[in-house]
Amino acid sequence: MTSPSASSSPPVDRRDLRKAFVASLTGTSLEWYDFAVYSAAAALVFPVLFFPAADPVTGLLLAFSTYAVGYVSRPLGGVVFGRLGDVIGRKQVLVITLVLIGVATFLIGLLPTYGTIGVAAPVLLVLLRFAQGVGVGGEWGGAVLLSSEFGEPRRRGFWASAAQVGPPAGNLLSNGVLALLTLLLTDQQFLDWGWRLAFLLSAVLVAFGLWIRLKLEDTPVFRAIAESGDRPSAPVREVFTAERRPLLAGILSRIGPDVSYALFTVFVLTFATTQLGFSRSEVLGAILIGSALQLPSIPLAGALTDRFNRRLVYGVAAIGGAVWPFVFFPMISGGSFALLVVGIVVGLALHSFMYGPQAAFVTEQFSPRLRYTGSSLAYTIAGVVGGAVAPLAFTALSGGSGNWVPVATYLAVACALTVVGLLIGRDPDHEEDEAYLALTP
């Protein structure tokens, strides 16, 4: 094995860097377009079309359970695709995950309902949701590495944020499509066929994402690892035996942002419409505005952590995220649309300053040769304990009574766990990447 020893990286090809940034952004935008469409459908459509025999609260829990399946299946994707990403390369795995996510989403748009094929409908829905989650489990880690390993290590906060812009971009696209459909169609038309269009449109993002990714080489860091003979043979085992603390730090750092995002983009849709009397289009519009403002704020947050201590910026945002729901729910209780917009915008802004630097923080916890596996495992395990159960927990804690205090407390605890993860994590070691990059021609 060749031991890397250089202290600075060679010049970066700006064209490849821009392509990698777009490829990373496109893939995670598709991922979150799919998940955001599904989340909205889980709240608005699936309880009626796929679980009609249940009472309203149970139907909502069942729909959110299918939402959770997409998170629970992520660790399987993290293990399978994370390992492959460290063994065969970032690019090849990212092509596979993109196709898997896109095909599963497209098929959901064609799925017959309970009224047509009975119990087979929710079963197929859960299976397709499971496939989505497997693809997402391998997508995030690779998307982050695609942009950050083409970029300069000392600007990882900014370049890694390309993948982080995917959630608001996907959320913006999905909620924009859903808002347009709800304005143009009657409620019955939307339930009959309108919701399917949002799922079928994923084919456009898949085609564009594949076109970009197939034009790229693998990342310079992975090429150097391969040339040095330093590729791991059992990366999953190595992460669990040699990098347990980095894994724990990565997992905990993600819980607060995941729960926060679930509250301000998923649970608020149900809570505000059923408990506070807001219309569906009003809540979707507020989420749309908040998501649009995240597009610049996420890379800004990532860039700021390249100039200031990453863990400090992240931690301050986590503390703000813990406090804000105690302000947000009383603020919107009067039914003011303007205050609803302000509340969601601030909530998603605090999320941005956690989520923007998150990709860099998680990936830099692991050594380059185990980075795809470690990052994917941290991402997917945190998704199960954070994002997967959050909508279910929110619904159960509020109990359909409008009591928001347990919900706010739940988010505060999640953000406290994130602060713990930041405290036990490490600051970046840029020399690790620069040494490998010096080996590439």
Protein backbone atom coordinates (compact mmCIF):
# COMPACT_ATOMS: atom_id res chain seq x y z
CA MET A 1 0.00 0.00 0.00
CA THR A 2 1.29 3.44 -0.90
CA SER A 3 1.13 5.86 2.01
CA PRO A 4 -0.05 9.35 1.03
CA SER A 5 2.07 12.12 2.39
CA ALA A 6 1.56 15.33 0.46
CA SER A 7 0.20 18.42 2.12
CA SER A 8 -1.58 20.20 -0.70
CA SER A 9 -3.89 19.19 -3.51
CA PRO A 10 -3.39 19.65 -7.22
CA PRO A 11 -5.47 22.18 -9.18
CA VAL A 12 -9.15 21.27 -9.51
CA ASP A 13 -10.78 20.98 -12.95
CA ARG A 14 -13.54 23.57 -12.64
CA ARG A 15 -15.68 21.94 -15.36
CA ASP A 16 -15.66 18.60 -13.57
CA LEU A 17 -16.34 20.37 -10.30
CA ARG A 18 -19.41 22.14 -11.73
CA LYS A 19 -20.67 18.89 -13.26
CA ALA A 20 -20.21 17.11 -9.94
CA PHE A 21 -22.07 19.87 -8.12
CA VAL A 22 -25.01 19.64 -10.53
CA ALA A 23 -24.97 15.82 -10.48
CA SER A 24 -25.05 15.81 -6.69
CA LEU A 25 -27.81 18.40 -6.57
CA THR A 26 -29.90 16.64 -9.22
CA GLY A 27 -29.79 13.26 -7.55
CA THR A 28 -30.79 14.44 -4.10
CA SER A 29 -33.42 16.76 -5.63
CA LEU A 30 -35.02 13.70 -7.21
CA GLU A 31 -34.72 11.81 -3.95
CA TRP A 32 -36.48 14.55 -2.01
CA TYR A 33 -38.95 15.35 -4.76
CA ASP A 34 -40.04 11.73 -4.50
CA PHE A 35 -40.10 11.76 -0.71
CA ALA A 36 -41.86 15.13 -0.48
CA VAL A 37 -44.55 14.04 -2.95
CA TYR A 38 -44.98 10.87 -0.95
CA SER A 39 -45.12 12.78 2.34
CA ALA A 40 -47.84 15.09 1.07
CA ALA A 41 -49.75 12.17 -0.41
CA ALA A 42 -49.42 10.29 2.90
CA ALA A 43 -51.13 13.19 4.63
CA LEU A 44 -53.73 14.11 1.99
CA VAL A 45 -54.46 11.13 -0.26
CA PHE A 46 -53.31 7.72 0.97
CA PRO A 47 -55.59 7.53 4.05
CA VAL A 48 -58.58 7.78 1.69
CA LEU A 49 -57.39 5.73 -1.28
CA PHE A 50 -55.31 3.01 0.37
CA PHE A 51 -56.69 2.71 3.93
CA PRO A 52 -60.40 3.52 3.55
CA ALA A 53 -61.65 1.12 6.22
CA ALA A 54 -59.79 2.88 9.03
CA ASP A 55 -61.01 5.77 11.17
CA PRO A 56 -59.39 9.14 10.37
CA VAL A 57 -56.67 9.03 13.07
CA THR A 58 -55.77 5.40 12.39
CA GLY A 59 -55.79 6.02 8.66
CA LEU A 60 -53.34 8.88 9.16
CA LEU A 61 -51.09 6.69 11.29
CA LEU A 62 -51.19 3.95 8.65
CA ALA A 63 -50.30 6.40 5.88
CA PHE A 64 -47.41 7.79 7.90
CA SER A 65 -46.32 4.21 8.58
CA THR A 66 -45.79 3.74 4.85
CA TYR A 67 -43.84 7.01 5.02
CA ALA A 68 -41.69 5.47 7.76
CA VAL A 69 -41.00 2.35 5.67
CA GLY A 70 -38.98 4.56 3.32
CA TYR A 71 -36.71 5.44 6.22
CA VAL A 72 -36.55 2.00 7.83
CA SER A 73 -35.33 0.49 4.55
CA ARG A 74 -32.54 3.05 4.25
CA PRO A 75 -29.99 1.17 6.38
CA LEU A 76 -30.19 -1.76 3.97
CA GLY A 77 -29.34 0.62 1.13
CA GLY A 78 -26.63 2.20 3.27
CA VAL A 79 -24.99 -1.16 3.94
CA VAL A 80 -25.26 -2.49 0.37
CA PHE A 81 -24.51 0.65 -1.61
CA GLY A 82 -22.20 2.23 0.97
CA ARG A 83 -19.96 -0.81 0.81
CA LEU A 84 -20.03 -0.83 -2.99
CA GLY A 85 -19.21 2.89 -3.08
CA ASP A 86 -15.97 2.30 -1.17
CA VAL A 87 -15.09 -0.82 -3.18
CA ILE A 88 -16.12 -0.17 -6.81
CA GLY A 89 -16.49 3.61 -6.81
CA ARG A 90 -18.86 6.51 -6.23
CA LYS A 91 -20.12 7.02 -9.77
CA GLN A 92 -21.31 3.50 -10.59
CA VAL A 93 -23.30 3.23 -7.37
CA LEU A 94 -24.93 6.63 -7.89
CA VAL A 95 -26.25 5.60 -11.30
CA ILE A 96 -27.88 2.50 -9.78
CA THR A 97 -29.47 4.37 -6.87
CA LEU A 98 -30.85 7.10 -9.12
CA VAL A 99 -32.59 4.56 -11.35
CA LEU A 100 -33.97 2.63 -8.37
CA ILE A 101 -35.50 5.70 -6.74
CA GLY A 102 -36.95 7.00 -10.00
CA VAL A 103 -38.52 3.71 -11.11
CA ALA A 104 -40.12 3.11 -7.70
CA THR A 105 -41.65 6.59 -7.66
CA PHE A 106 -42.94 6.30 -11.22
CA LEU A 107 -44.63 2.99 -10.41
CA ILE A 108 -46.36 4.50 -7.37
CA GLY A 109 -47.99 6.91 -9.80
CA LEU A 110 -49.43 3.94 -11.71
CA LEU A 111 -50.53 1.94 -8.66
CA PRO A 112 -54.19 0.82 -8.47
CA THR A 113 -56.01 1.84 -5.28
CA TYR A 114 -57.70 -0.21 -2.57
CA GLY A 115 -61.03 0.19 -4.36
CA THR A 116 -59.61 -1.54 -7.45
CA ILE A 117 -57.44 -4.38 -6.17
CA GLY A 118 -58.18 -4.49 -2.44
CA VAL A 119 -55.49 -5.19 0.13
CA ALA A 120 -52.88 -5.71 -2.60
CA ALA A 121 -52.85 -1.93 -3.11
CA PRO A 122 -51.39 -0.94 0.28
CA VAL A 123 -49.05 -3.95 0.14
CA LEU A 124 -47.63 -2.82 -3.21
CA LEU A 125 -47.43 0.75 -1.92
CA VAL A 126 -45.32 -0.36 1.03
CA LEU A 127 -43.04 -2.48 -1.22
CA LEU A 128 -42.42 0.43 -3.61
CA ARG A 129 -41.83 2.71 -0.66
CA PHE A 130 -39.31 0.17 0.64
CA ALA A 131 -37.51 0.21 -2.73
CA GLN A 132 -37.40 4.01 -2.63
CA GLY A 133 -35.79 3.88 0.79
CA VAL A 134 -33.16 1.35 -0.26
CA GLY A 135 -32.14 3.61 -3.13
CA VAL A 136 -32.05 6.69 -0.92
CA GLY A 137 -29.91 4.82 1.62
CA GLY A 138 -27.12 4.60 -0.94
CA GLU A 139 -27.75 7.90 -2.71
CA TRP A 140 -26.95 10.51 -0.08
CA GLY A 141 -23.45 9.39 0.87
CA GLY A 142 -22.39 9.14 -2.76
CA ALA A 143 -23.97 12.44 -3.76
CA VAL A 144 -22.13 14.23 -0.98
CA LEU A 145 -18.82 12.63 -1.93
CA LEU A 146 -19.34 13.34 -5.62
CA SER A 147 -19.30 17.09 -5.10
CA SER A 148 -17.02 17.32 -2.05
CA GLU A 149 -14.29 14.99 -3.39
CA PHE A 150 -14.13 16.93 -6.66
CA GLY A 151 -13.85 20.17 -4.71
CA GLU A 152 -11.12 21.60 -2.52
CA PRO A 153 -11.04 19.88 0.90
CA ARG A 154 -10.81 23.24 2.68
CA ARG A 155 -14.11 24.29 1.10
CA ARG A 156 -15.92 21.05 1.83
CA GLY A 157 -18.70 22.84 3.72
CA PHE A 158 -19.75 24.65 0.55
CA TRP A 159 -19.19 21.89 -2.03
CA ALA A 160 -20.81 19.17 0.08
CA SER A 161 -23.87 21.39 0.49
CA ALA A 162 -24.84 20.62 -3.12
CA ALA A 163 -26.46 17.41 -1.90
CA GLN A 164 -28.10 19.32 0.94
CA VAL A 165 -29.86 21.71 -1.44
CA GLY A 166 -31.71 18.67 -2.78
CA PRO A 167 -34.37 18.55 -0.03
CA PRO A 168 -35.64 22.13 -0.43
CA ALA A 169 -35.28 21.92 -4.22
CA GLY A 170 -37.21 18.65 -4.30
CA ASN A 171 -39.68 19.96 -1.75
CA LEU A 172 -40.12 23.14 -3.78
CA LEU A 173 -40.79 21.19 -6.96
CA SER A 174 -43.14 18.70 -5.33
CA ASN A 175 -45.17 21.20 -3.33
CA GLY A 176 -45.30 23.54 -6.31
CA VAL A 177 -46.71 20.75 -8.44
CA LEU A 178 -49.17 19.73 -5.72
CA ALA A 179 -50.24 23.32 -5.08
CA LEU A 180 -50.83 23.85 -8.80
CA LEU A 181 -52.83 20.64 -9.04
CA THR A 182 -54.99 21.56 -6.07
CA LEU A 183 -55.71 24.96 -7.62
CA LEU A 184 -56.54 23.59 -11.09
CA LEU A 185 -58.47 20.49 -10.04
CA THR A 186 -61.46 19.82 -7.84
CA ASP A 187 -60.91 17.76 -4.71
CA GLN A 188 -62.49 14.77 -6.42
CA GLN A 189 -60.32 15.10 -9.53
CA PHE A 190 -57.22 15.37 -7.35
CA LEU A 191 -58.18 12.20 -5.47
CA ASP A 192 -59.17 10.34 -8.63
CA TRP A 193 -56.07 10.98 -10.75
CA GLY A 194 -54.41 14.35 -10.11
CA TRP A 195 -52.03 13.13 -7.39
CA ARG A 196 -50.58 10.56 -9.82
CA LEU A 197 -49.14 13.24 -12.10
CA ALA A 198 -46.72 14.41 -9.41
CA PHE A 199 -45.25 10.90 -9.13
CA LEU A 200 -45.05 10.33 -12.88
CA LEU A 201 -43.10 13.55 -13.43
CA SER A 202 -40.11 12.01 -11.61
CA ALA A 203 -39.09 10.45 -14.94
CA VAL A 204 -37.89 13.87 -16.13
CA LEU A 205 -35.51 14.28 -13.18
CA VAL A 206 -34.21 10.73 -13.60
CA ALA A 207 -33.35 11.30 -17.25
CA PHE A 208 -31.53 14.56 -16.54
CA GLY A 209 -29.67 13.12 -13.55
CA LEU A 210 -28.47 10.09 -15.51
CA TRP A 211 -27.27 12.28 -18.38
CA ILE A 212 -25.12 14.32 -15.99
CA ARG A 213 -23.76 11.41 -13.96
CA LEU A 214 -22.80 9.27 -16.93
CA LYS A 215 -20.62 12.12 -18.26
CA LEU A 216 -18.47 12.22 -15.11
CA GLU A 217 -15.42 10.22 -14.10
CA ASP A 218 -15.19 8.90 -10.56
CA THR A 219 -13.93 11.32 -7.92
CA PRO A 220 -10.19 12.10 -7.74
CA VAL A 221 -10.07 10.87 -4.14
CA PHE A 222 -11.51 7.46 -4.99
CA ARG A 223 -9.24 7.11 -8.04
CA ALA A 224 -6.24 7.80 -5.80
CA ILE A 225 -7.43 5.29 -3.20
CA ALA A 226 -7.85 2.67 -5.92
CA GLU A 227 -4.42 3.39 -7.43
CA SER A 228 -2.74 3.18 -4.02
CA GLY A 229 -4.30 -0.23 -3.33
CA ASP A 230 -5.99 1.16 -0.24
CA ARG A 231 -9.58 0.10 -1.03
CA PRO A 232 -11.17 -1.73 1.92
CA SER A 233 -12.29 -5.32 1.50
CA ALA A 234 -14.85 -5.24 4.33
CA PRO A 235 -15.74 -1.56 4.88
CA VAL A 236 -18.90 -2.19 6.93
CA ARG A 237 -16.99 -4.31 9.44
CA GLU A 238 -14.16 -1.77 9.59
CA VAL A 239 -16.55 1.09 10.33
CA PHE A 240 -18.20 -0.81 13.18
CA THR A 241 -14.89 -1.96 14.66
CA ALA A 242 -12.49 0.93 14.02
CA GLU A 243 -14.70 4.03 13.62
CA ARG A 244 -17.52 3.60 16.13
CA ARG A 245 -17.18 7.07 17.68
CA PRO A 246 -17.30 8.83 14.28
CA LEU A 247 -20.35 6.74 13.43
CA LEU A 248 -22.11 7.73 16.67
CA ALA A 249 -21.22 11.39 16.14
CA GLY A 250 -22.61 11.28 12.59
CA ILE A 251 -25.83 9.58 13.69
CA LEU A 252 -26.58 11.96 16.55
CA SER A 253 -25.73 15.05 14.50
CA ARG A 254 -28.49 14.18 12.03
CA ILE A 255 -31.39 13.51 14.41
CA GLY A 256 -32.32 17.11 15.19
CA PRO A 257 -32.36 18.30 11.56
CA ASP A 258 -34.38 15.25 10.47
CA VAL A 259 -37.03 15.77 13.14
CA SER A 260 -37.13 19.52 12.47
CA TYR A 261 -37.67 18.97 8.75
CA ALA A 262 -40.43 16.45 9.42
CA LEU A 263 -42.24 18.96 11.61
CA PHE A 264 -42.06 21.96 9.27
CA THR A 265 -42.75 20.13 6.00
CA VAL A 266 -44.88 17.08 6.95
CA PHE A 267 -46.61 17.33 10.32
CA VAL A 268 -47.48 21.01 9.95
CA LEU A 269 -49.50 20.15 6.84
CA THR A 270 -51.84 17.94 8.86
CA PHE A 271 -51.82 19.97 12.08
CA ALA A 272 -52.54 23.33 10.49
CA THR A 273 -55.36 22.03 8.29
CA THR A 274 -57.13 19.81 10.82
CA GLN A 275 -56.56 21.76 14.05
CA LEU A 276 -56.22 25.40 13.04
CA GLY A 277 -58.51 25.71 10.02
CA PHE A 278 -55.89 26.62 7.40
CA SER A 279 -56.62 25.46 3.86
CA ARG A 280 -54.42 22.89 2.19
CA SER A 281 -53.25 25.42 -0.40
CA GLU A 282 -52.28 27.93 2.32
CA VAL A 283 -50.06 25.45 4.15
CA LEU A 284 -48.51 24.16 0.94
CA GLY A 285 -47.85 27.76 -0.08
CA ALA A 286 -46.11 28.55 3.20
CA ILE A 287 -43.92 25.45 2.87
CA LEU A 288 -43.17 26.47 -0.70
CA ILE A 289 -41.92 29.90 0.42
CA GLY A 290 -39.80 28.42 3.20
CA SER A 291 -38.27 25.87 0.84
CA ALA A 292 -37.46 28.53 -1.75
CA LEU A 293 -35.52 30.53 0.82
CA GLN A 294 -33.56 27.42 1.78
CA LEU A 295 -32.05 27.23 -1.71
CA PRO A 296 -29.55 30.05 -0.97
CA SER A 297 -29.39 29.62 2.82
CA ILE A 298 -28.11 26.02 2.80
CA PRO A 299 -24.98 26.66 0.68
CA LEU A 300 -24.49 29.92 2.59
CA ALA A 301 -24.48 27.98 5.84
CA GLY A 302 -22.04 25.45 4.41
CA ALA A 303 -19.72 28.21 3.19
CA LEU A 304 -19.81 29.98 6.56
CA THR A 305 -18.59 26.83 8.27
CA ASP A 306 -15.57 26.82 5.98
CA ARG A 307 -14.64 30.19 7.50
CA PHE A 308 -15.78 29.58 11.08
CA ASN A 309 -15.82 26.48 13.26
CA ARG A 310 -18.25 24.03 11.69
CA ARG A 311 -19.40 22.44 14.91
CA LEU A 312 -20.05 25.83 16.54
CA VAL A 313 -22.28 27.13 13.73
CA TYR A 314 -24.11 23.82 13.58
CA GLY A 315 -24.59 23.75 17.37
CA VAL A 316 -25.98 27.29 17.60
CA ALA A 317 -28.56 26.40 14.93
CA ALA A 318 -29.47 23.22 16.83
CA ILE A 319 -30.13 25.23 20.00
CA GLY A 320 -32.30 27.63 18.00
CA GLY A 321 -34.13 24.67 16.49
CA ALA A 322 -34.90 23.36 19.98
CA VAL A 323 -36.41 26.68 21.10
CA TRP A 324 -38.34 27.70 17.98
CA PRO A 325 -41.32 25.28 18.13
CA PHE A 326 -42.28 26.78 21.52
CA VAL A 327 -42.63 30.09 19.68
CA PHE A 328 -44.03 28.69 16.43
CA PHE A 329 -47.16 26.92 17.66
CA PRO A 330 -48.55 29.82 19.74
CA MET A 331 -47.70 32.14 16.85
CA ILE A 332 -49.91 30.28 14.35
CA SER A 333 -52.74 29.43 16.74
CA GLY A 334 -54.70 32.55 15.72
CA GLY A 335 -55.03 31.37 12.13
CA SER A 336 -52.95 34.15 10.53
CA PHE A 337 -51.49 33.09 7.18
CA ALA A 338 -48.73 35.73 7.43
CA LEU A 339 -47.58 34.34 10.77
CA LEU A 340 -47.77 30.80 9.41
CA VAL A 341 -45.38 31.82 6.63
CA VAL A 342 -43.01 33.56 9.05
CA GLY A 343 -43.06 30.59 11.41
CA ILE A 344 -42.27 28.04 8.72
CA VAL A 345 -39.62 30.28 7.11
CA VAL A 346 -37.77 30.71 10.42
CA GLY A 347 -38.11 27.00 11.22
CA LEU A 348 -36.65 26.01 7.87
CA ALA A 349 -33.93 28.68 8.14
CA LEU A 350 -32.76 27.15 11.42
CA HIS A 351 -32.90 23.77 9.71
CA SER A 352 -30.72 25.19 6.90
CA PHE A 353 -27.96 26.17 9.30
CA MET A 354 -27.94 22.64 10.67
CA TYR A 355 -28.42 20.92 7.35
CA GLY A 356 -26.04 23.02 5.24
CA PRO A 357 -22.88 21.97 7.12
CA GLN A 358 -24.22 18.52 7.96
CA ALA A 359 -22.86 16.74 4.87
CA ALA A 360 -19.35 18.05 5.44
CA PHE A 361 -19.48 17.30 9.17
CA VAL A 362 -20.67 13.71 8.71
CA THR A 363 -18.26 12.80 5.89
CA GLU A 364 -15.21 14.32 7.57
CA GLN A 365 -15.76 12.11 10.63
CA PHE A 366 -14.54 9.12 8.58
CA SER A 367 -11.24 8.31 6.88
CA PRO A 368 -11.43 8.70 3.06
CA ARG A 369 -11.21 4.97 2.36
CA LEU A 370 -14.30 4.27 4.55
CA ARG A 371 -16.13 7.48 3.86
CA TYR A 372 -18.95 6.21 1.62
CA THR A 373 -19.82 3.37 4.00
CA GLY A 374 -19.50 5.41 7.18
CA SER A 375 -21.47 8.36 5.86
CA SER A 376 -24.22 6.15 4.45
CA LEU A 377 -24.58 4.22 7.70
CA ALA A 378 -24.72 7.41 9.78
CA TYR A 379 -27.25 8.94 7.40
CA THR A 380 -29.54 5.91 7.23
CA ILE A 381 -29.45 4.89 10.90
CA ALA A 382 -30.19 8.47 11.94
CA GLY A 383 -33.04 8.50 9.42
CA VAL A 384 -34.69 5.59 11.19
CA VAL A 385 -34.46 7.04 14.71
CA GLY A 386 -35.09 10.60 13.53
CA GLY A 387 -37.05 11.20 10.35
CA ALA A 388 -38.87 7.86 10.17
CA VAL A 389 -40.60 7.95 13.50
CA ALA A 390 -41.07 11.72 13.76
CA PRO A 391 -44.39 12.05 11.87
CA LEU A 392 -45.75 9.01 13.73
CA ALA A 393 -44.56 10.39 17.06
CA PHE A 394 -45.97 13.85 16.30
CA THR A 395 -49.37 12.39 15.41
CA ALA A 396 -49.44 10.15 18.49
CA LEU A 397 -48.24 12.91 20.83
CA SER A 398 -50.76 15.46 19.60
CA GLY A 399 -53.49 12.77 19.68
CA GLY A 400 -55.72 14.72 17.34
CA SER A 401 -56.42 17.16 20.20
CA GLY A 402 -54.27 20.05 19.04
CA ASN A 403 -51.88 19.76 22.03
CA TRP A 404 -48.57 20.96 20.59
CA VAL A 405 -46.41 20.97 23.74
CA PRO A 406 -45.37 17.28 23.51
CA VAL A 407 -44.53 17.80 19.85
CA ALA A 408 -42.32 20.81 20.62
CA THR A 409 -40.64 18.93 23.46
CA TYR A 410 -39.92 16.00 21.17
CA LEU A 411 -38.08 18.28 18.73
CA ALA A 412 -36.16 19.95 21.58
CA VAL A 413 -34.88 16.54 22.76
CA ALA A 414 -33.88 15.63 19.19
CA CYS A 415 -31.87 18.85 18.86
CA ALA A 416 -30.19 18.18 22.21
CA LEU A 417 -29.02 14.81 20.87
CA THR A 418 -27.58 16.62 17.85
CA VAL A 419 -25.56 18.89 20.14
CA VAL A 420 -24.16 15.79 21.86
CA GLY A 421 -23.13 14.39 18.47
CA LEU A 422 -21.32 17.62 17.63
CA LEU A 423 -19.48 17.58 20.94
CA ILE A 424 -18.12 14.05 20.46
CA GLY A 425 -17.29 14.61 16.77
CA ARG A 426 -14.02 15.91 15.36
CA ASP A 427 -13.02 18.98 13.38
CA PRO A 428 -11.94 18.41 9.75
CA ASP A 429 -8.56 16.96 8.89
CA HIS A 430 -7.97 18.43 5.42
CA GLU A 431 -4.62 16.75 5.05
CA GLU A 432 -6.30 13.35 4.67
CA ASP A 433 -7.88 14.35 1.36
CA GLU A 434 -5.02 16.51 0.19
CA ALA A 435 -2.61 13.61 0.61
CA TYR A 436 -4.73 11.30 -1.55
CA LEU A 437 -5.41 14.02 -4.13
CA ALA A 438 -1.66 14.52 -4.55
CA LEU A 439 -1.49 10.95 -5.88
CA THR A 440 -3.84 11.63 -8.82
CA PRO A 441 -2.25 12.63 -12.14
